[in-house]
Amino acid sequence: MEERRYFIAIFGGPSAGKYPVKGGCYPVPHAYWGHYCPHGMYKGDWILLYCTSTYPGYYCQAPGIGEVTDTKVRGNEVFVHYDYKPLLSPIPRSTIDNCLTIGERRRFRYPRLKCNWLIPIEPTSFHCFKC
């Protein structure tokens, strides 16, 4: 069995209606899949679900986490399906920044896409969030 992996999924405003953070599905362009997940993403992996300032209702916060249930390729996208687990209180961006390594923080602060972005993180970074 593969070792559990951890990620941050960034939800931006334009995709909020079609793929809401609580919806259990996160699309990743197939062309970027190997960059985001060079070793894949599997059932049991964990995702911190973060919303940008353009996402309605959760301004720069992570309202929940997702446990990956499966991934499916459809057309030119890979769809990550997850069980949404709300947090008792959303995690603010400043707390997330403080938990990340320098490299993770750089990718988190300066994503190259305006909507969806997936960042692999260390287990210690994820557990620092105390989810």
Foldseek 3Di string as FASTA:
>chain_A
DDDAWEKEKEAEQVCCVVCNLQNFKDKDFLVCCCVQCVPDHAAQHKYQYFYDCRHPPHHQWGQWMWGWPGWDDDDRIIMTGTHTDGDPDTHHNVQLLVLFDPVQNVCVVDPPDRGIDMHTGDPSSVCSSVD
